[in-house]
Amino acid sequence: MVLVDSSHEDQDYPGRLLVMVGRTLQAAGLRRLIFRFGDPALNAMYSSNKTNMAATEEMAAIPRSADELRATHFSLGSKPLVVVTAGQNDSDEMWHRLQVDLLGRSSNSHRVVAEGSGHRVQDDRPDIVIAAIREVVGTSVHP
């Protein structure tokens, strides 16, 4: 498994007020005007009301999802795991701790920090994501 700047069940999550604001902006059609990116493809995707509604509902479901994950005591055993962390986020002490904690999901894991990358590591440093996927696939096919 490859986790790319992955969330963690113990990280802070959007509060009810933020979810309510998101739903209100969505209902008024304003959310798609507020969220603009430097990427035409992202702008097109986030100008869709369906995409924005899905993102808002995803935020609302985070607390329940985190509780469900905690209850499973999720483990990959010895299956290969690479945790890829965005370099720009790694200076945040809590984020760093949570990313390192993800390594405990497998006894066969390691972490790669994607220097110079923001959260969208697959866009900023696709070479790192591709290498991690190839590593896990290679290890899984040829143990």
N, C-alpha and C. Protein backbone atom coordinates (compact mmCIF):
# COMPACT_ATOMS: atom_id res chain seq x y z
N MET A 1 0.85 -1.17 0.00
CA MET A 1 0.00 0.00 0.00
C MET A 1 0.89 1.23 0.00
N VAL A 2 0.48 2.25 -0.74
CA VAL A 2 1.17 3.53 -0.74
C VAL A 2 0.18 4.58 -0.24
N LEU A 3 0.54 5.28 0.83
CA LEU A 3 -0.27 6.37 1.36
C LEU A 3 0.42 7.67 0.95
N VAL A 4 -0.31 8.52 0.26
CA VAL A 4 0.27 9.77 -0.26
C VAL A 4 -0.29 10.95 0.54
N ASP A 5 0.56 11.52 1.40
CA ASP A 5 0.19 12.61 2.30
C ASP A 5 -1.19 12.32 2.91
N SER A 6 -1.29 11.14 3.45
CA SER A 6 -2.55 10.57 3.91
C SER A 6 -3.06 11.21 5.19
N SER A 7 -4.36 11.23 5.30
CA SER A 7 -4.95 11.68 6.55
C SER A 7 -4.74 10.59 7.61
N HIS A 8 -5.03 10.94 8.83
CA HIS A 8 -4.85 10.05 9.98
C HIS A 8 -6.08 10.23 10.86
N GLU A 9 -6.54 9.16 11.45
CA GLU A 9 -7.77 9.23 12.24
C GLU A 9 -7.66 10.14 13.46
N ASP A 10 -6.46 10.48 13.90
CA ASP A 10 -6.31 11.34 15.08
C ASP A 10 -6.02 12.81 14.73
N GLN A 11 -6.05 13.14 13.46
CA GLN A 11 -5.79 14.53 13.10
C GLN A 11 -7.02 15.39 13.38
N ASP A 12 -6.82 16.68 13.45
CA ASP A 12 -7.96 17.58 13.61
C ASP A 12 -8.86 17.44 12.39
N TYR A 13 -10.13 17.62 12.60
CA TYR A 13 -11.07 17.53 11.49
C TYR A 13 -11.98 18.74 11.53
N PRO A 14 -12.63 19.02 10.41
CA PRO A 14 -13.49 20.22 10.37
C PRO A 14 -14.61 20.12 11.38
N GLY A 15 -14.82 21.18 12.08
CA GLY A 15 -15.89 21.22 13.06
C GLY A 15 -17.25 21.41 12.40
N ARG A 16 -18.28 21.29 13.19
CA ARG A 16 -19.65 21.42 12.67
C ARG A 16 -19.88 22.77 12.01
N LEU A 17 -19.29 23.83 12.58
CA LEU A 17 -19.49 25.17 12.02
C LEU A 17 -18.92 25.24 10.60
N LEU A 18 -17.72 24.71 10.40
CA LEU A 18 -17.11 24.73 9.06
C LEU A 18 -17.95 23.93 8.07
N VAL A 19 -18.47 22.79 8.49
CA VAL A 19 -19.32 21.99 7.61
C VAL A 19 -20.59 22.77 7.28
N MET A 20 -21.18 23.43 8.28
CA MET A 20 -22.39 24.21 8.05
C MET A 20 -22.12 25.36 7.07
N VAL A 21 -20.98 26.03 7.23
CA VAL A 21 -20.61 27.10 6.30
C VAL A 21 -20.44 26.54 4.90
N GLY A 22 -19.76 25.39 4.80
CA GLY A 22 -19.58 24.75 3.49
C GLY A 22 -20.90 24.43 2.82
N ARG A 23 -21.84 23.89 3.58
CA ARG A 23 -23.16 23.56 3.04
C ARG A 23 -23.91 24.82 2.61
N THR A 24 -23.77 25.88 3.39
CA THR A 24 -24.44 27.15 3.06
C THR A 24 -23.86 27.74 1.78
N LEU A 25 -22.53 27.77 1.69
CA LEU A 25 -21.89 28.27 0.47
C LEU A 25 -22.29 27.44 -0.74
N GLN A 26 -22.38 26.13 -0.53
CA GLN A 26 -22.77 25.22 -1.61
C GLN A 26 -24.19 25.53 -2.07
N ALA A 27 -25.10 25.66 -1.11
CA ALA A 27 -26.50 25.90 -1.45
C ALA A 27 -26.68 27.22 -2.18
N ALA A 28 -25.88 28.21 -1.83
CA ALA A 28 -25.95 29.52 -2.48
C ALA A 28 -25.19 29.57 -3.80
N GLY A 29 -24.48 28.50 -4.12
CA GLY A 29 -23.70 28.47 -5.36
C GLY A 29 -22.42 29.27 -5.30
N LEU A 30 -22.00 29.64 -4.08
CA LEU A 30 -20.82 30.48 -3.93
C LEU A 30 -19.52 29.69 -3.78
N ARG A 31 -19.63 28.47 -3.31
CA ARG A 31 -18.42 27.69 -3.06
C ARG A 31 -17.57 27.54 -4.33
N ARG A 32 -18.24 27.30 -5.46
CA ARG A 32 -17.48 27.10 -6.70
C ARG A 32 -16.79 28.39 -7.16
N LEU A 33 -17.26 29.53 -6.69
CA LEU A 33 -16.62 30.80 -7.04
C LEU A 33 -15.44 31.11 -6.12
N ILE A 34 -15.48 30.60 -4.90
CA ILE A 34 -14.45 30.89 -3.91
C ILE A 34 -13.21 30.03 -4.13
N PHE A 35 -13.42 28.74 -4.39
CA PHE A 35 -12.29 27.82 -4.52
C PHE A 35 -11.76 27.84 -5.94
N ARG A 36 -10.69 28.60 -6.14
CA ARG A 36 -10.03 28.71 -7.44
C ARG A 36 -8.57 28.31 -7.24
N PHE A 37 -8.05 27.60 -8.21
CA PHE A 37 -6.69 27.09 -8.13
C PHE A 37 -5.90 27.60 -9.32
N GLY A 38 -4.61 27.41 -9.29
CA GLY A 38 -3.76 27.81 -10.40
C GLY A 38 -3.72 26.76 -11.51
N ASP A 39 -4.66 25.85 -11.50
CA ASP A 39 -4.69 24.74 -12.44
C ASP A 39 -6.06 24.69 -13.11
N PRO A 40 -6.11 24.84 -14.44
CA PRO A 40 -7.41 24.84 -15.13
C PRO A 40 -8.22 23.56 -14.90
N ALA A 41 -7.55 22.41 -14.79
CA ALA A 41 -8.27 21.15 -14.56
C ALA A 41 -8.94 21.16 -13.19
N LEU A 42 -8.21 21.64 -12.17
CA LEU A 42 -8.80 21.72 -10.83
C LEU A 42 -9.95 22.73 -10.80
N ASN A 43 -9.76 23.86 -11.48
CA ASN A 43 -10.82 24.87 -11.54
C ASN A 43 -12.09 24.27 -12.16
N ALA A 44 -11.91 23.50 -13.24
CA ALA A 44 -13.06 22.88 -13.90
C ALA A 44 -13.74 21.88 -12.97
N MET A 45 -12.92 21.07 -12.28
CA MET A 45 -13.49 20.06 -11.39
C MET A 45 -14.25 20.71 -10.24
N TYR A 46 -13.68 21.75 -9.63
CA TYR A 46 -14.30 22.36 -8.47
C TYR A 46 -15.36 23.40 -8.82
N SER A 47 -15.61 23.61 -10.11
CA SER A 47 -16.73 24.47 -10.46
C SER A 47 -18.01 23.66 -10.57
N SER A 48 -17.89 22.35 -10.45
CA SER A 48 -19.05 21.47 -10.49
C SER A 48 -19.75 21.45 -9.13
N ASN A 49 -21.05 21.67 -9.15
CA ASN A 49 -21.81 21.62 -7.90
C ASN A 49 -21.76 20.23 -7.28
N LYS A 50 -21.77 19.18 -8.09
CA LYS A 50 -21.71 17.82 -7.56
C LYS A 50 -20.38 17.58 -6.84
N THR A 51 -19.28 18.06 -7.41
CA THR A 51 -17.98 17.90 -6.76
C THR A 51 -17.95 18.63 -5.44
N ASN A 52 -18.44 19.85 -5.41
CA ASN A 52 -18.44 20.63 -4.19
C ASN A 52 -19.35 20.03 -3.13
N MET A 53 -20.49 19.51 -3.53
CA MET A 53 -21.39 18.88 -2.57
C MET A 53 -20.73 17.62 -1.99
N ALA A 54 -20.06 16.85 -2.84
CA ALA A 54 -19.37 15.64 -2.36
C ALA A 54 -18.27 16.01 -1.38
N ALA A 55 -17.51 17.07 -1.67
CA ALA A 55 -16.43 17.50 -0.77
C ALA A 55 -16.99 17.94 0.58
N THR A 56 -18.10 18.66 0.57
CA THR A 56 -18.73 19.11 1.81
C THR A 56 -19.21 17.92 2.64
N GLU A 57 -19.84 16.96 1.99
CA GLU A 57 -20.34 15.78 2.71
C GLU A 57 -19.19 14.90 3.19
N GLU A 58 -18.10 14.88 2.44
CA GLU A 58 -16.92 14.13 2.89
C GLU A 58 -16.39 14.74 4.19
N MET A 59 -16.31 16.07 4.24
CA MET A 59 -15.86 16.74 5.47
C MET A 59 -16.78 16.40 6.64
N ALA A 60 -18.09 16.37 6.39
CA ALA A 60 -19.05 16.07 7.46
C ALA A 60 -18.88 14.64 7.98
N ALA A 61 -18.41 13.73 7.14
CA ALA A 61 -18.29 12.32 7.52
C ALA A 61 -16.96 11.98 8.19
N ILE A 62 -16.03 12.90 8.22
CA ILE A 62 -14.69 12.61 8.76
C ILE A 62 -14.73 12.11 10.21
N PRO A 63 -15.44 12.74 11.14
CA PRO A 63 -15.42 12.25 12.52
C PRO A 63 -15.91 10.79 12.63
N ARG A 64 -16.98 10.47 11.95
CA ARG A 64 -17.51 9.10 12.00
C ARG A 64 -16.53 8.11 11.37
N SER A 65 -15.96 8.49 10.25
CA SER A 65 -14.99 7.63 9.57
C SER A 65 -13.77 7.38 10.45
N ALA A 66 -13.29 8.43 11.11
CA ALA A 66 -12.14 8.29 12.01
C ALA A 66 -12.47 7.35 13.17
N ASP A 67 -13.66 7.48 13.72
CA ASP A 67 -14.08 6.58 14.81
C ASP A 67 -14.12 5.13 14.34
N GLU A 68 -14.64 4.91 13.14
CA GLU A 68 -14.72 3.55 12.60
C GLU A 68 -13.33 2.96 12.40
N LEU A 69 -12.39 3.77 11.90
CA LEU A 69 -11.03 3.28 11.68
C LEU A 69 -10.36 2.95 13.01
N ARG A 70 -10.52 3.81 14.01
CA ARG A 70 -9.96 3.54 15.34
C ARG A 70 -10.48 2.22 15.88
N ALA A 71 -11.75 1.94 15.68
CA ALA A 71 -12.38 0.72 16.21
C ALA A 71 -11.83 -0.55 15.55
N THR A 72 -11.29 -0.44 14.34
CA THR A 72 -10.80 -1.64 13.64
C THR A 72 -9.39 -2.03 14.06
N HIS A 73 -8.64 -1.09 14.65
CA HIS A 73 -7.22 -1.35 14.98
C HIS A 73 -6.50 -1.84 13.72
N PHE A 74 -6.66 -1.10 12.63
CA PHE A 74 -6.22 -1.49 11.30
C PHE A 74 -4.73 -1.85 11.24
N SER A 75 -4.45 -3.00 10.65
CA SER A 75 -3.07 -3.44 10.47
C SER A 75 -2.93 -4.13 9.12
N LEU A 76 -1.81 -3.88 8.46
CA LEU A 76 -1.49 -4.57 7.21
C LEU A 76 -0.61 -5.80 7.46
N GLY A 77 -0.31 -6.06 8.73
CA GLY A 77 0.59 -7.18 9.03
C GLY A 77 1.98 -6.86 8.51
N SER A 78 2.50 -7.73 7.64
CA SER A 78 3.82 -7.49 7.07
C SER A 78 3.75 -7.09 5.59
N LYS A 79 2.56 -6.75 5.12
CA LYS A 79 2.43 -6.30 3.74
C LYS A 79 3.17 -4.97 3.58
N PRO A 80 3.78 -4.75 2.40
CA PRO A 80 4.57 -3.52 2.21
C PRO A 80 3.72 -2.25 2.28
N LEU A 81 4.28 -1.26 2.94
CA LEU A 81 3.64 0.04 3.09
C LEU A 81 4.69 1.13 2.93
N VAL A 82 4.39 2.09 2.04
CA VAL A 82 5.23 3.28 1.91
C VAL A 82 4.35 4.49 2.23
N VAL A 83 4.78 5.27 3.20
CA VAL A 83 4.07 6.49 3.58
C VAL A 83 4.83 7.66 2.95
N VAL A 84 4.18 8.32 2.00
CA VAL A 84 4.78 9.48 1.32
C VAL A 84 4.19 10.73 1.97
N THR A 85 5.05 11.60 2.48
CA THR A 85 4.61 12.83 3.15
C THR A 85 5.06 14.04 2.35
N ALA A 86 4.16 15.00 2.16
CA ALA A 86 4.51 16.24 1.47
C ALA A 86 5.56 16.99 2.28
N GLY A 87 6.63 17.41 1.62
CA GLY A 87 7.71 18.11 2.29
C GLY A 87 7.29 19.40 2.94
N GLN A 88 6.36 20.13 2.31
CA GLN A 88 5.92 21.40 2.87
C GLN A 88 5.11 21.22 4.15
N ASN A 89 4.53 20.05 4.35
CA ASN A 89 3.74 19.79 5.55
C ASN A 89 4.57 19.19 6.67
N ASP A 90 5.74 18.67 6.35
CA ASP A 90 6.50 17.89 7.32
C ASP A 90 7.05 18.73 8.47
N SER A 91 7.11 20.03 8.32
CA SER A 91 7.61 20.89 9.40
C SER A 91 6.56 21.07 10.51
N ASP A 92 5.32 20.74 10.23
CA ASP A 92 4.26 20.80 11.23
C ASP A 92 4.45 19.59 12.15
N GLU A 93 4.76 19.87 13.41
CA GLU A 93 5.12 18.81 14.36
C GLU A 93 4.03 17.74 14.50
N MET A 94 2.77 18.14 14.60
CA MET A 94 1.68 17.18 14.75
C MET A 94 1.53 16.34 13.48
N TRP A 95 1.57 16.98 12.31
CA TRP A 95 1.44 16.25 11.04
C TRP A 95 2.58 15.24 10.91
N HIS A 96 3.78 15.67 11.25
CA HIS A 96 4.95 14.78 11.19
C HIS A 96 4.71 13.56 12.09
N ARG A 97 4.26 13.78 13.30
CA ARG A 97 4.02 12.68 14.24
C ARG A 97 2.96 11.71 13.70
N LEU A 98 1.89 12.25 13.14
CA LEU A 98 0.83 11.39 12.62
C LEU A 98 1.29 10.60 11.39
N GLN A 99 2.11 11.23 10.54
CA GLN A 99 2.63 10.52 9.37
C GLN A 99 3.56 9.38 9.80
N VAL A 100 4.39 9.64 10.80
CA VAL A 100 5.29 8.60 11.32
C VAL A 100 4.46 7.48 11.97
N ASP A 101 3.38 7.85 12.65
CA ASP A 101 2.52 6.85 13.29
C ASP A 101 1.92 5.88 12.27
N LEU A 102 1.66 6.34 11.06
CA LEU A 102 1.10 5.46 10.03
C LEU A 102 2.02 4.30 9.71
N LEU A 103 3.32 4.47 9.95
CA LEU A 103 4.27 3.39 9.69
C LEU A 103 3.96 2.15 10.52
N GLY A 104 3.35 2.33 11.68
CA GLY A 104 3.02 1.23 12.56
C GLY A 104 1.93 0.32 12.03
N ARG A 105 1.33 0.67 10.91
CA ARG A 105 0.28 -0.17 10.33
C ARG A 105 0.84 -1.42 9.67
N SER A 106 2.16 -1.44 9.45
CA SER A 106 2.81 -2.60 8.84
C SER A 106 4.20 -2.77 9.44
N SER A 107 4.60 -4.01 9.60
CA SER A 107 5.96 -4.27 10.07
C SER A 107 6.97 -4.15 8.92
N ASN A 108 6.47 -3.90 7.73
CA ASN A 108 7.29 -3.77 6.52
C ASN A 108 7.01 -2.41 5.89
N SER A 109 7.40 -1.35 6.58
CA SER A 109 7.05 -0.01 6.12
C SER A 109 8.24 0.94 6.19
N HIS A 110 8.14 1.99 5.40
CA HIS A 110 9.08 3.10 5.53
C HIS A 110 8.41 4.36 4.98
N ARG A 111 9.04 5.48 5.26
CA ARG A 111 8.48 6.79 4.93
C ARG A 111 9.40 7.53 3.98
N VAL A 112 8.78 8.26 3.05
CA VAL A 112 9.52 9.10 2.11
C VAL A 112 8.93 10.50 2.21
N VAL A 113 9.79 11.50 2.40
CA VAL A 113 9.35 12.90 2.42
C VAL A 113 9.57 13.48 1.03
N ALA A 114 8.51 13.95 0.42
CA ALA A 114 8.56 14.52 -0.93
C ALA A 114 8.94 16.00 -0.82
N GLU A 115 10.25 16.24 -0.79
CA GLU A 115 10.75 17.62 -0.63
C GLU A 115 10.19 18.52 -1.73
N GLY A 116 9.81 19.73 -1.33
CA GLY A 116 9.31 20.72 -2.28
C GLY A 116 7.87 20.50 -2.69
N SER A 117 7.21 19.54 -2.09
CA SER A 117 5.84 19.22 -2.49
C SER A 117 4.84 19.71 -1.47
N GLY A 118 3.69 20.15 -2.00
CA GLY A 118 2.54 20.42 -1.15
C GLY A 118 1.70 19.16 -1.05
N HIS A 119 0.46 19.30 -0.61
CA HIS A 119 -0.41 18.15 -0.38
C HIS A 119 -0.62 17.31 -1.64
N ARG A 120 -0.64 17.92 -2.79
CA ARG A 120 -0.86 17.18 -4.04
C ARG A 120 0.47 16.64 -4.57
N VAL A 121 1.03 15.72 -3.82
CA VAL A 121 2.34 15.15 -4.14
C VAL A 121 2.33 14.56 -5.54
N GLN A 122 1.23 13.93 -5.94
CA GLN A 122 1.15 13.31 -7.25
C GLN A 122 1.32 14.32 -8.38
N ASP A 123 1.03 15.58 -8.12
CA ASP A 123 1.24 16.63 -9.13
C ASP A 123 2.63 17.25 -8.98
N ASP A 124 3.03 17.53 -7.73
CA ASP A 124 4.30 18.22 -7.49
C ASP A 124 5.51 17.32 -7.65
N ARG A 125 5.40 16.06 -7.23
CA ARG A 125 6.52 15.12 -7.28
C ARG A 125 6.04 13.73 -7.73
N PRO A 126 5.52 13.65 -8.97
CA PRO A 126 5.02 12.35 -9.42
C PRO A 126 6.10 11.27 -9.42
N ASP A 127 7.37 11.67 -9.57
CA ASP A 127 8.46 10.69 -9.56
C ASP A 127 8.49 9.90 -8.26
N ILE A 128 8.21 10.57 -7.15
CA ILE A 128 8.24 9.91 -5.84
C ILE A 128 7.07 8.94 -5.70
N VAL A 129 5.90 9.36 -6.13
CA VAL A 129 4.73 8.50 -6.04
C VAL A 129 4.89 7.28 -6.94
N ILE A 130 5.38 7.49 -8.16
CA ILE A 130 5.60 6.38 -9.09
C ILE A 130 6.61 5.40 -8.53
N ALA A 131 7.70 5.91 -7.97
CA ALA A 131 8.73 5.03 -7.39
C ALA A 131 8.17 4.22 -6.23
N ALA A 132 7.35 4.84 -5.39
CA ALA A 132 6.76 4.14 -4.24
C ALA A 132 5.82 3.03 -4.71
N ILE A 133 5.01 3.32 -5.72
CA ILE A 133 4.09 2.32 -6.25
C ILE A 133 4.88 1.17 -6.87
N ARG A 134 5.89 1.49 -7.65
CA ARG A 134 6.71 0.43 -8.26
C ARG A 134 7.38 -0.43 -7.20
N GLU A 135 7.85 0.20 -6.14
CA GLU A 135 8.49 -0.54 -5.05
C GLU A 135 7.52 -1.53 -4.41
N VAL A 136 6.31 -1.04 -4.08
CA VAL A 136 5.33 -1.91 -3.43
C VAL A 136 4.88 -3.03 -4.36
N VAL A 137 4.64 -2.70 -5.62
CA VAL A 137 4.23 -3.74 -6.57
C VAL A 137 5.34 -4.75 -6.75
N GLY A 138 6.58 -4.27 -6.90
CA GLY A 138 7.72 -5.18 -7.06
C GLY A 138 7.91 -6.08 -5.86
N THR A 139 7.74 -5.54 -4.68
CA THR A 139 7.88 -6.33 -3.46
C THR A 139 6.73 -7.34 -3.34
N SER A 140 5.55 -6.95 -3.76
CA SER A 140 4.39 -7.83 -3.65
C SER A 140 4.44 -8.96 -4.66
N VAL A 141 4.97 -8.68 -5.85
CA VAL A 141 5.04 -9.69 -6.91
C VAL A 141 6.22 -10.62 -6.67
N HIS A 142 7.32 -10.07 -6.20
CA HIS A 142 8.56 -10.84 -5.98
C HIS A 142 9.02 -10.71 -4.53
N PRO A 143 8.36 -11.40 -3.61
CA PRO A 143 8.73 -11.25 -2.20
C PRO A 143 10.13 -11.73 -1.89
